[in-house]
Amino acid sequence: MEKMDPQKTPKERHQDIRIWNAEDWYWEDIVPGTQIRSISRTLSEGESMQFNALVLDMHPYVADEPFAREQGIFGRRLVAGAMVFSVGLGLVATNCRNAFSYGYDRLRFIGPVFIGDTLYTIKTDLAKGPKNEQMGLCRSSYEVFKNDGELVLYCEHLQTVKYRSPPKPFQPNRV
């Protein structure tokens, strides 16, 4: 095999190279009604317990198999709701350099999730409006489903998103 020399890309060109796994959409690009669907992701025993340890959630329903099996109402251990929320949102997370999380509304844990369940998420852009002179506000829903389409979590995500061209004159409103 022939020896390859490094490209030695000059430092002054680094900022001109597209960032991998990132997006650069703006508020103007958001179209209410647009939907995306994630890939699916199966939740394992190891990652469930690792998440529980990380967030110090050792509730018997998520950390104690004999308790969950013998005394729990589901007959087996649950995956922590915080993990379902985190994974569900992570599945459709975009690394947009112009958007910033503003908060979450209407978070509901609708159905149980168990170790070994497979999750996927559908994100729907619901509405948008101006927030301030630099950024607009976007509201999106996240529906997290397990296995063959059972809805297990719903929430709405508010994001501030940079304008490509700020509106003139600025008129704030609520999304």
N, C-alpha and C. Protein backbone atom coordinates (compact mmCIF):
# COMPACT_ATOMS: atom_id res chain seq x y z
N MET A 1 0.85 -1.18 0.00
CA MET A 1 0.00 0.00 0.00
C MET A 1 0.89 1.24 0.00
N GLU A 2 0.51 2.20 -0.81
CA GLU A 2 1.28 3.43 -0.91
C GLU A 2 1.11 4.29 0.33
N LYS A 3 2.21 4.88 0.78
CA LYS A 3 2.17 5.75 1.95
C LYS A 3 1.43 7.04 1.59
N MET A 4 0.50 7.43 2.49
CA MET A 4 -0.29 8.64 2.26
C MET A 4 0.17 9.72 3.23
N ASP A 5 0.36 10.91 2.74
CA ASP A 5 0.71 12.05 3.59
C ASP A 5 -0.58 12.73 4.06
N PRO A 6 -0.55 13.33 5.26
CA PRO A 6 -1.74 14.07 5.71
C PRO A 6 -2.04 15.23 4.77
N GLN A 7 -3.31 15.64 4.77
CA GLN A 7 -3.73 16.75 3.92
C GLN A 7 -3.11 18.07 4.35
N LYS A 8 -2.84 18.22 5.63
CA LYS A 8 -2.28 19.46 6.17
C LYS A 8 -3.16 20.66 5.80
N THR A 9 -4.45 20.53 6.07
CA THR A 9 -5.39 21.60 5.78
C THR A 9 -5.01 22.84 6.59
N PRO A 10 -4.80 23.96 5.91
CA PRO A 10 -4.41 25.18 6.63
C PRO A 10 -5.47 25.63 7.64
N LYS A 11 -5.04 26.10 8.79
CA LYS A 11 -5.93 26.52 9.86
C LYS A 11 -6.95 27.56 9.39
N GLU A 12 -6.55 28.47 8.53
CA GLU A 12 -7.46 29.52 8.07
C GLU A 12 -8.62 28.96 7.23
N ARG A 13 -8.54 27.71 6.77
CA ARG A 13 -9.63 27.08 6.01
C ARG A 13 -10.58 26.27 6.88
N HIS A 14 -10.22 26.00 8.13
CA HIS A 14 -11.02 25.13 8.99
C HIS A 14 -12.47 25.61 9.11
N GLN A 15 -12.69 26.89 9.30
CA GLN A 15 -14.04 27.43 9.47
C GLN A 15 -14.90 27.29 8.21
N ASP A 16 -14.28 27.11 7.05
CA ASP A 16 -15.02 27.00 5.80
C ASP A 16 -15.47 25.57 5.50
N ILE A 17 -15.01 24.60 6.28
CA ILE A 17 -15.34 23.19 6.05
C ILE A 17 -16.61 22.85 6.81
N ARG A 18 -17.54 22.22 6.13
CA ARG A 18 -18.83 21.85 6.72
C ARG A 18 -18.61 20.98 7.95
N ILE A 19 -19.34 21.27 9.02
CA ILE A 19 -19.28 20.47 10.24
C ILE A 19 -20.10 19.20 10.03
N TRP A 20 -19.52 18.07 10.37
CA TRP A 20 -20.18 16.79 10.22
C TRP A 20 -21.28 16.63 11.27
N ASN A 21 -22.39 16.04 10.89
CA ASN A 21 -23.49 15.71 11.78
C ASN A 21 -24.10 16.96 12.43
N ALA A 22 -24.17 18.03 11.69
CA ALA A 22 -24.77 19.26 12.20
C ALA A 22 -25.63 19.88 11.11
N GLU A 23 -26.57 20.67 11.54
CA GLU A 23 -27.45 21.36 10.61
C GLU A 23 -27.37 22.85 10.87
N ASP A 24 -27.79 23.62 9.88
CA ASP A 24 -27.72 25.08 10.05
C ASP A 24 -29.00 25.77 9.58
N TRP A 25 -30.15 25.12 9.86
CA TRP A 25 -31.42 25.75 9.48
C TRP A 25 -31.72 26.92 10.41
N TYR A 26 -32.59 27.79 9.90
CA TYR A 26 -32.99 29.00 10.62
C TYR A 26 -34.50 28.99 10.85
N TRP A 27 -34.99 29.95 11.64
CA TRP A 27 -36.40 30.08 11.96
C TRP A 27 -37.25 30.10 10.70
N GLU A 28 -36.79 30.78 9.69
CA GLU A 28 -37.55 30.90 8.44
C GLU A 28 -37.73 29.54 7.75
N ASP A 29 -36.87 28.58 8.03
CA ASP A 29 -36.93 27.26 7.40
C ASP A 29 -37.95 26.33 8.04
N ILE A 30 -38.45 26.67 9.21
CA ILE A 30 -39.40 25.81 9.93
C ILE A 30 -40.78 25.95 9.29
N VAL A 31 -41.38 24.81 8.95
CA VAL A 31 -42.71 24.78 8.35
C VAL A 31 -43.63 23.97 9.27
N PRO A 32 -44.57 24.64 9.96
CA PRO A 32 -45.50 23.89 10.82
C PRO A 32 -46.18 22.77 10.03
N GLY A 33 -46.27 21.61 10.68
CA GLY A 33 -46.84 20.42 10.03
C GLY A 33 -45.77 19.45 9.55
N THR A 34 -44.54 19.91 9.44
CA THR A 34 -43.45 19.03 8.99
C THR A 34 -43.18 17.98 10.06
N GLN A 35 -43.00 16.73 9.62
CA GLN A 35 -42.71 15.64 10.55
C GLN A 35 -41.44 14.92 10.15
N ILE A 36 -40.75 14.39 11.16
CA ILE A 36 -39.63 13.47 10.93
C ILE A 36 -39.82 12.27 11.85
N ARG A 37 -39.32 11.11 11.42
CA ARG A 37 -39.38 9.88 12.20
C ARG A 37 -37.95 9.40 12.42
N SER A 38 -37.67 8.95 13.62
CA SER A 38 -36.33 8.50 13.95
C SER A 38 -36.12 7.04 13.54
N ILE A 39 -34.89 6.62 13.67
CA ILE A 39 -34.60 5.19 13.62
C ILE A 39 -35.11 4.59 14.94
N SER A 40 -35.11 3.28 15.04
CA SER A 40 -35.54 2.60 16.26
C SER A 40 -34.33 2.28 17.13
N ARG A 41 -34.59 2.13 18.43
CA ARG A 41 -33.51 1.89 19.39
C ARG A 41 -34.03 0.98 20.50
N THR A 42 -33.39 -0.19 20.69
CA THR A 42 -33.77 -1.12 21.75
C THR A 42 -33.01 -0.78 23.02
N LEU A 43 -33.73 -0.75 24.15
CA LEU A 43 -33.15 -0.39 25.44
C LEU A 43 -32.68 -1.64 26.18
N SER A 44 -31.42 -1.66 26.56
CA SER A 44 -30.84 -2.84 27.21
C SER A 44 -30.81 -2.71 28.72
N GLU A 45 -30.62 -3.83 29.38
CA GLU A 45 -30.48 -3.90 30.84
C GLU A 45 -29.31 -3.04 31.32
N GLY A 46 -28.16 -3.19 30.67
CA GLY A 46 -26.96 -2.47 31.10
C GLY A 46 -27.11 -0.96 31.03
N GLU A 47 -27.62 -0.48 29.90
CA GLU A 47 -27.75 0.98 29.78
C GLU A 47 -28.83 1.52 30.69
N SER A 48 -29.86 0.73 30.95
CA SER A 48 -30.90 1.17 31.87
C SER A 48 -30.32 1.35 33.27
N MET A 49 -29.56 0.38 33.75
CA MET A 49 -28.96 0.50 35.08
C MET A 49 -27.89 1.58 35.12
N GLN A 50 -27.16 1.76 34.03
CA GLN A 50 -26.15 2.82 33.97
C GLN A 50 -26.84 4.19 34.07
N PHE A 51 -27.94 4.36 33.37
CA PHE A 51 -28.70 5.61 33.46
C PHE A 51 -29.22 5.82 34.88
N ASN A 52 -29.80 4.78 35.48
CA ASN A 52 -30.30 4.89 36.85
C ASN A 52 -29.19 5.33 37.80
N ALA A 53 -28.01 4.73 37.66
CA ALA A 53 -26.90 5.10 38.54
C ALA A 53 -26.47 6.54 38.30
N LEU A 54 -26.45 6.95 37.06
CA LEU A 54 -26.02 8.31 36.72
C LEU A 54 -26.94 9.36 37.34
N VAL A 55 -28.24 9.11 37.30
CA VAL A 55 -29.20 10.10 37.81
C VAL A 55 -29.68 9.78 39.23
N LEU A 56 -29.09 8.74 39.84
CA LEU A 56 -29.41 8.33 41.22
C LEU A 56 -30.87 7.94 41.39
N ASP A 57 -31.43 7.27 40.37
CA ASP A 57 -32.80 6.78 40.43
C ASP A 57 -32.75 5.28 40.73
N MET A 58 -32.91 4.91 41.98
CA MET A 58 -32.88 3.50 42.38
C MET A 58 -34.24 3.06 42.93
N HIS A 59 -35.29 3.65 42.38
CA HIS A 59 -36.64 3.25 42.76
C HIS A 59 -36.79 1.75 42.48
N PRO A 60 -37.49 1.00 43.35
CA PRO A 60 -37.60 -0.44 43.14
C PRO A 60 -38.24 -0.84 41.80
N TYR A 61 -39.08 0.01 41.24
CA TYR A 61 -39.69 -0.33 39.94
C TYR A 61 -38.67 -0.34 38.81
N VAL A 62 -37.56 0.38 38.97
CA VAL A 62 -36.55 0.42 37.90
C VAL A 62 -35.26 -0.30 38.27
N ALA A 63 -35.04 -0.59 39.55
CA ALA A 63 -33.75 -1.14 39.96
C ALA A 63 -33.82 -2.47 40.70
N ASP A 64 -35.00 -2.94 41.08
CA ASP A 64 -35.12 -4.13 41.93
C ASP A 64 -36.02 -5.15 41.23
N GLU A 65 -35.40 -6.10 40.53
CA GLU A 65 -36.15 -7.09 39.75
C GLU A 65 -37.11 -7.91 40.62
N PRO A 66 -36.67 -8.49 41.77
CA PRO A 66 -37.63 -9.27 42.58
C PRO A 66 -38.82 -8.42 43.05
N PHE A 67 -38.57 -7.20 43.48
CA PHE A 67 -39.68 -6.34 43.90
C PHE A 67 -40.64 -6.09 42.74
N ALA A 68 -40.08 -5.67 41.60
CA ALA A 68 -40.93 -5.34 40.45
C ALA A 68 -41.73 -6.56 39.99
N ARG A 69 -41.11 -7.73 40.00
CA ARG A 69 -41.78 -8.95 39.54
C ARG A 69 -42.86 -9.41 40.53
N GLU A 70 -42.55 -9.36 41.83
CA GLU A 70 -43.44 -9.93 42.84
C GLU A 70 -44.44 -8.94 43.43
N GLN A 71 -44.07 -7.66 43.52
CA GLN A 71 -44.95 -6.68 44.16
C GLN A 71 -45.40 -5.55 43.25
N GLY A 72 -44.72 -5.39 42.13
CA GLY A 72 -45.05 -4.29 41.22
C GLY A 72 -46.30 -4.57 40.41
N ILE A 73 -46.96 -3.53 39.99
CA ILE A 73 -48.22 -3.72 39.24
C ILE A 73 -47.99 -4.14 37.79
N PHE A 74 -46.75 -4.02 37.28
CA PHE A 74 -46.47 -4.41 35.90
C PHE A 74 -45.85 -5.80 35.79
N GLY A 75 -45.42 -6.37 36.94
CA GLY A 75 -44.85 -7.72 36.93
C GLY A 75 -43.43 -7.81 36.44
N ARG A 76 -42.82 -6.68 36.15
CA ARG A 76 -41.41 -6.64 35.74
C ARG A 76 -40.89 -5.21 35.85
N ARG A 77 -39.58 -5.07 35.74
CA ARG A 77 -38.96 -3.75 35.91
C ARG A 77 -39.27 -2.82 34.75
N LEU A 78 -39.42 -1.56 35.11
CA LEU A 78 -39.61 -0.49 34.14
C LEU A 78 -38.27 0.14 33.77
N VAL A 79 -38.23 0.78 32.62
CA VAL A 79 -37.15 1.70 32.29
C VAL A 79 -37.56 3.04 32.89
N ALA A 80 -36.65 3.75 33.53
CA ALA A 80 -36.96 5.03 34.17
C ALA A 80 -37.55 6.00 33.14
N GLY A 81 -38.59 6.71 33.56
CA GLY A 81 -39.24 7.69 32.68
C GLY A 81 -38.27 8.73 32.17
N ALA A 82 -37.32 9.16 33.02
CA ALA A 82 -36.33 10.15 32.58
C ALA A 82 -35.48 9.60 31.44
N MET A 83 -35.23 8.29 31.45
CA MET A 83 -34.45 7.69 30.37
C MET A 83 -35.29 7.62 29.09
N VAL A 84 -36.56 7.25 29.22
CA VAL A 84 -37.44 7.21 28.05
C VAL A 84 -37.51 8.60 27.41
N PHE A 85 -37.66 9.63 28.24
CA PHE A 85 -37.68 11.01 27.76
C PHE A 85 -36.36 11.35 27.05
N SER A 86 -35.24 11.04 27.68
CA SER A 86 -33.92 11.37 27.11
C SER A 86 -33.67 10.64 25.80
N VAL A 87 -33.93 9.34 25.78
CA VAL A 87 -33.70 8.57 24.56
C VAL A 87 -34.68 9.01 23.47
N GLY A 88 -35.94 9.18 23.84
CA GLY A 88 -36.94 9.57 22.85
C GLY A 88 -36.59 10.87 22.16
N LEU A 89 -36.15 11.86 22.92
CA LEU A 89 -35.75 13.13 22.31
C LEU A 89 -34.44 13.01 21.56
N GLY A 90 -33.52 12.25 22.13
CA GLY A 90 -32.23 12.06 21.47
C GLY A 90 -32.35 11.42 20.10
N LEU A 91 -33.34 10.57 19.93
CA LEU A 91 -33.52 9.90 18.64
C LEU A 91 -33.81 10.87 17.50
N VAL A 92 -34.42 12.01 17.80
CA VAL A 92 -34.71 12.99 16.74
C VAL A 92 -33.93 14.29 16.92
N ALA A 93 -32.98 14.28 17.85
CA ALA A 93 -32.20 15.50 18.08
C ALA A 93 -31.39 15.86 16.85
N THR A 94 -31.44 17.12 16.51
CA THR A 94 -30.60 17.62 15.43
C THR A 94 -29.56 18.54 16.06
N ASN A 95 -28.39 18.49 15.56
CA ASN A 95 -27.32 19.33 16.07
C ASN A 95 -27.32 20.64 15.30
N CYS A 96 -28.43 21.36 15.43
CA CYS A 96 -28.55 22.62 14.72
C CYS A 96 -27.82 23.71 15.48
N ARG A 97 -26.94 24.38 14.79
CA ARG A 97 -26.12 25.42 15.42
C ARG A 97 -26.90 26.71 15.68
N ASN A 98 -28.12 26.79 15.20
CA ASN A 98 -28.90 28.02 15.34
C ASN A 98 -30.11 27.87 16.26
N ALA A 99 -30.28 26.70 16.88
CA ALA A 99 -31.44 26.44 17.73
C ALA A 99 -31.00 26.12 19.15
N PHE A 100 -31.81 26.58 20.11
CA PHE A 100 -31.48 26.42 21.52
C PHE A 100 -32.74 26.02 22.27
N SER A 101 -32.63 25.02 23.14
CA SER A 101 -33.79 24.58 23.90
C SER A 101 -34.25 25.67 24.86
N TYR A 102 -35.55 25.94 24.85
CA TYR A 102 -36.16 26.94 25.71
C TYR A 102 -36.96 26.28 26.84
N GLY A 103 -37.39 25.03 26.61
CA GLY A 103 -38.11 24.30 27.64
C GLY A 103 -39.05 23.26 27.05
N TYR A 104 -39.74 22.55 27.95
CA TYR A 104 -40.67 21.49 27.56
C TYR A 104 -42.00 21.72 28.24
N ASP A 105 -43.07 21.45 27.54
CA ASP A 105 -44.43 21.53 28.07
C ASP A 105 -45.13 20.20 27.84
N ARG A 106 -46.18 19.98 28.60
CA ARG A 106 -47.11 18.86 28.39
C ARG A 106 -46.43 17.48 28.40
N LEU A 107 -45.40 17.31 29.21
CA LEU A 107 -44.71 16.01 29.31
C LEU A 107 -45.62 15.02 30.01
N ARG A 108 -45.89 13.90 29.33
CA ARG A 108 -46.74 12.85 29.88
C ARG A 108 -46.11 11.49 29.59
N PHE A 109 -46.07 10.64 30.63
CA PHE A 109 -45.65 9.25 30.48
C PHE A 109 -46.93 8.44 30.32
N ILE A 110 -47.22 8.04 29.11
CA ILE A 110 -48.52 7.48 28.77
C ILE A 110 -48.59 5.97 28.99
N GLY A 111 -47.49 5.28 28.75
CA GLY A 111 -47.48 3.83 28.92
C GLY A 111 -46.13 3.36 29.44
N PRO A 112 -46.09 2.17 30.04
CA PRO A 112 -44.83 1.67 30.59
C PRO A 112 -43.86 1.24 29.50
N VAL A 113 -42.57 1.40 29.81
CA VAL A 113 -41.50 0.93 28.93
C VAL A 113 -40.66 -0.03 29.75
N PHE A 114 -40.36 -1.19 29.17
CA PHE A 114 -39.62 -2.24 29.86
C PHE A 114 -38.28 -2.47 29.18
N ILE A 115 -37.35 -3.04 29.93
CA ILE A 115 -36.05 -3.42 29.36
C ILE A 115 -36.31 -4.35 28.19
N GLY A 116 -35.66 -4.08 27.07
CA GLY A 116 -35.85 -4.86 25.86
C GLY A 116 -36.84 -4.25 24.89
N ASP A 117 -37.59 -3.23 25.32
CA ASP A 117 -38.50 -2.56 24.39
C ASP A 117 -37.70 -1.72 23.39
N THR A 118 -38.27 -1.54 22.23
CA THR A 118 -37.65 -0.75 21.17
C THR A 118 -38.46 0.52 20.98
N LEU A 119 -37.76 1.67 21.02
CA LEU A 119 -38.41 2.98 20.90
C LEU A 119 -38.12 3.62 19.55
N TYR A 120 -39.05 4.44 19.09
CA TYR A 120 -38.81 5.37 18.00
C TYR A 120 -39.65 6.61 18.26
N THR A 121 -39.30 7.70 17.61
CA THR A 121 -39.94 8.99 17.89
C THR A 121 -40.39 9.66 16.60
N ILE A 122 -41.53 10.33 16.69
CA ILE A 122 -42.00 11.19 15.60
C ILE A 122 -42.06 12.62 16.15
N LYS A 123 -41.38 13.51 15.47
CA LYS A 123 -41.36 14.93 15.83
C LYS A 123 -42.20 15.68 14.80
N THR A 124 -43.09 16.56 15.30
CA THR A 124 -43.93 17.37 14.43
C THR A 124 -43.74 18.84 14.80
N ASP A 125 -43.39 19.66 13.84
CA ASP A 125 -43.32 21.11 14.07
C ASP A 125 -44.75 21.63 14.11
N LEU A 126 -45.12 22.21 15.26
CA LEU A 126 -46.50 22.64 15.47
C LEU A 126 -46.76 24.10 15.14
N ALA A 127 -45.89 24.99 15.60
CA ALA A 127 -46.13 26.42 15.43
C ALA A 127 -44.82 27.18 15.59
N LYS A 128 -44.83 28.40 15.11
CA LYS A 128 -43.67 29.27 15.31
C LYS A 128 -44.14 30.71 15.37
N GLY A 129 -43.33 31.52 16.01
CA GLY A 129 -43.64 32.94 16.12
C GLY A 129 -42.39 33.68 16.56
N PRO A 130 -42.39 34.99 16.45
CA PRO A 130 -41.22 35.76 16.88
C PRO A 130 -41.07 35.72 18.40
N LYS A 131 -39.84 35.75 18.90
CA LYS A 131 -39.58 35.81 20.34
C LYS A 131 -38.94 37.13 20.72
N ASN A 132 -37.84 37.46 20.04
CA ASN A 132 -37.17 38.74 20.28
C ASN A 132 -36.53 39.19 18.98
N GLU A 133 -35.70 40.17 19.02
CA GLU A 133 -35.15 40.73 17.78
C GLU A 133 -34.12 39.83 17.11
N GLN A 134 -33.55 38.86 17.84
CA GLN A 134 -32.54 37.97 17.28
C GLN A 134 -33.06 36.57 16.94
N MET A 135 -34.13 36.13 17.67
CA MET A 135 -34.56 34.75 17.52
C MET A 135 -36.08 34.63 17.56
N GLY A 136 -36.56 33.60 16.86
CA GLY A 136 -37.96 33.24 16.93
C GLY A 136 -38.14 32.06 17.86
N LEU A 137 -39.39 31.68 18.08
CA LEU A 137 -39.72 30.57 18.96
C LEU A 137 -40.47 29.53 18.14
N CYS A 138 -40.12 28.28 18.34
CA CYS A 138 -40.76 27.16 17.63
C CYS A 138 -41.27 26.17 18.67
N ARG A 139 -42.47 25.62 18.44
CA ARG A 139 -43.03 24.58 19.30
C ARG A 139 -43.16 23.31 18.46
N SER A 140 -42.60 22.21 18.97
CA SER A 140 -42.66 20.92 18.29
C SER A 140 -43.17 19.87 19.26
N SER A 141 -43.92 18.89 18.75
CA SER A 141 -44.34 17.77 19.59
C SER A 141 -43.40 16.59 19.35
N TYR A 142 -43.23 15.80 20.40
CA TYR A 142 -42.47 14.55 20.33
C TYR A 142 -43.39 13.44 20.81
N GLU A 143 -43.64 12.49 19.94
CA GLU A 143 -44.40 11.30 20.29
C GLU A 143 -43.42 10.14 20.29
N VAL A 144 -43.24 9.52 21.45
CA VAL A 144 -42.33 8.38 21.57
C VAL A 144 -43.17 7.11 21.59
N PHE A 145 -42.87 6.21 20.69
CA PHE A 145 -43.60 4.95 20.54
C PHE A 145 -42.69 3.79 20.89
N LYS A 146 -43.29 2.69 21.34
CA LYS A 146 -42.51 1.48 21.56
C LYS A 146 -43.00 0.37 20.65
N ASN A 147 -42.08 -0.52 20.36
CA ASN A 147 -42.35 -1.75 19.63
C ASN A 147 -43.19 -1.51 18.39
N ASP A 148 -44.43 -1.95 18.38
CA ASP A 148 -45.26 -1.86 17.18
C ASP A 148 -46.18 -0.66 17.13
N GLY A 149 -45.80 0.45 17.79
CA GLY A 149 -46.56 1.67 17.64
C GLY A 149 -47.37 2.11 18.84
N GLU A 150 -47.11 1.56 20.02
CA GLU A 150 -47.82 2.01 21.23
C GLU A 150 -47.20 3.31 21.73
N LEU A 151 -48.01 4.37 21.84
CA LEU A 151 -47.53 5.65 22.33
C LEU A 151 -47.20 5.54 23.81
N VAL A 152 -45.97 5.90 24.19
CA VAL A 152 -45.56 5.79 25.59
C VAL A 152 -45.18 7.13 26.22
N LEU A 153 -44.91 8.15 25.41
CA LEU A 153 -44.53 9.46 25.94
C LEU A 153 -44.94 10.53 24.94
N TYR A 154 -45.39 11.65 25.48
CA TYR A 154 -45.70 12.83 24.66
C TYR A 154 -45.16 14.06 25.38
N CYS A 155 -44.59 14.97 24.62
CA CYS A 155 -44.22 16.27 25.16
C CYS A 155 -44.13 17.28 24.02
N GLU A 156 -44.06 18.54 24.40
CA GLU A 156 -43.85 19.60 23.42
C GLU A 156 -42.58 20.35 23.80
N HIS A 157 -41.76 20.58 22.81
CA HIS A 157 -40.45 21.21 22.99
C HIS A 157 -40.50 22.63 22.42
N LEU A 158 -40.10 23.58 23.23
CA LEU A 158 -39.97 24.96 22.78
C LEU A 158 -38.50 25.23 22.50
N GLN A 159 -38.23 25.78 21.34
CA GLN A 159 -36.86 26.13 20.97
C GLN A 159 -36.81 27.56 20.49
N THR A 160 -35.76 28.26 20.89
CA THR A 160 -35.46 29.54 20.27
C THR A 160 -34.57 29.24 19.08
N VAL A 161 -34.83 29.92 17.97
CA VAL A 161 -34.10 29.66 16.73
C VAL A 161 -33.71 30.99 16.11
N LYS A 162 -32.46 31.11 15.72
CA LYS A 162 -31.98 32.35 15.10
C LYS A 162 -32.73 32.65 13.81
N TYR A 163 -32.94 33.93 13.57
CA TYR A 163 -33.47 34.38 12.28
C TYR A 163 -32.34 34.42 11.26
N ARG A 164 -32.67 34.12 10.02
CA ARG A 164 -31.74 34.37 8.94
C ARG A 164 -31.74 35.88 8.66
N SER A 165 -32.96 36.45 8.65
CA SER A 165 -33.17 37.89 8.47
C SER A 165 -34.23 38.32 9.48
N PRO A 166 -33.84 39.03 10.54
CA PRO A 166 -34.81 39.45 11.56
C PRO A 166 -35.95 40.26 10.96
N PRO A 167 -37.18 40.01 11.45
CA PRO A 167 -38.33 40.76 10.93
C PRO A 167 -38.26 42.23 11.34
N LYS A 168 -38.72 43.09 10.45
CA LYS A 168 -38.77 44.53 10.73
C LYS A 168 -40.19 45.01 10.48
N PRO A 169 -40.83 45.73 11.33
CA PRO A 169 -40.44 45.94 12.72
C PRO A 169 -40.76 44.71 13.54
N PHE A 170 -40.07 44.54 14.64
CA PHE A 170 -40.24 43.38 15.50
C PHE A 170 -41.56 43.47 16.26
N GLN A 171 -42.36 42.39 16.23
CA GLN A 171 -43.63 42.30 16.95
C GLN A 171 -43.65 40.97 17.71
N PRO A 172 -43.41 40.97 19.04
CA PRO A 172 -43.40 39.71 19.77
C PRO A 172 -44.79 39.08 19.84
N ASN A 173 -44.85 37.76 19.88
CA ASN A 173 -46.09 37.04 20.13
C ASN A 173 -45.78 35.71 20.81
N ARG A 174 -46.79 35.00 21.23
CA ARG A 174 -46.59 33.73 21.94
C ARG A 174 -46.91 32.56 21.02
N VAL A 175 -46.11 31.51 21.17
CA VAL A 175 -46.31 30.29 20.39
C VAL A 175 -47.06 29.29 21.22
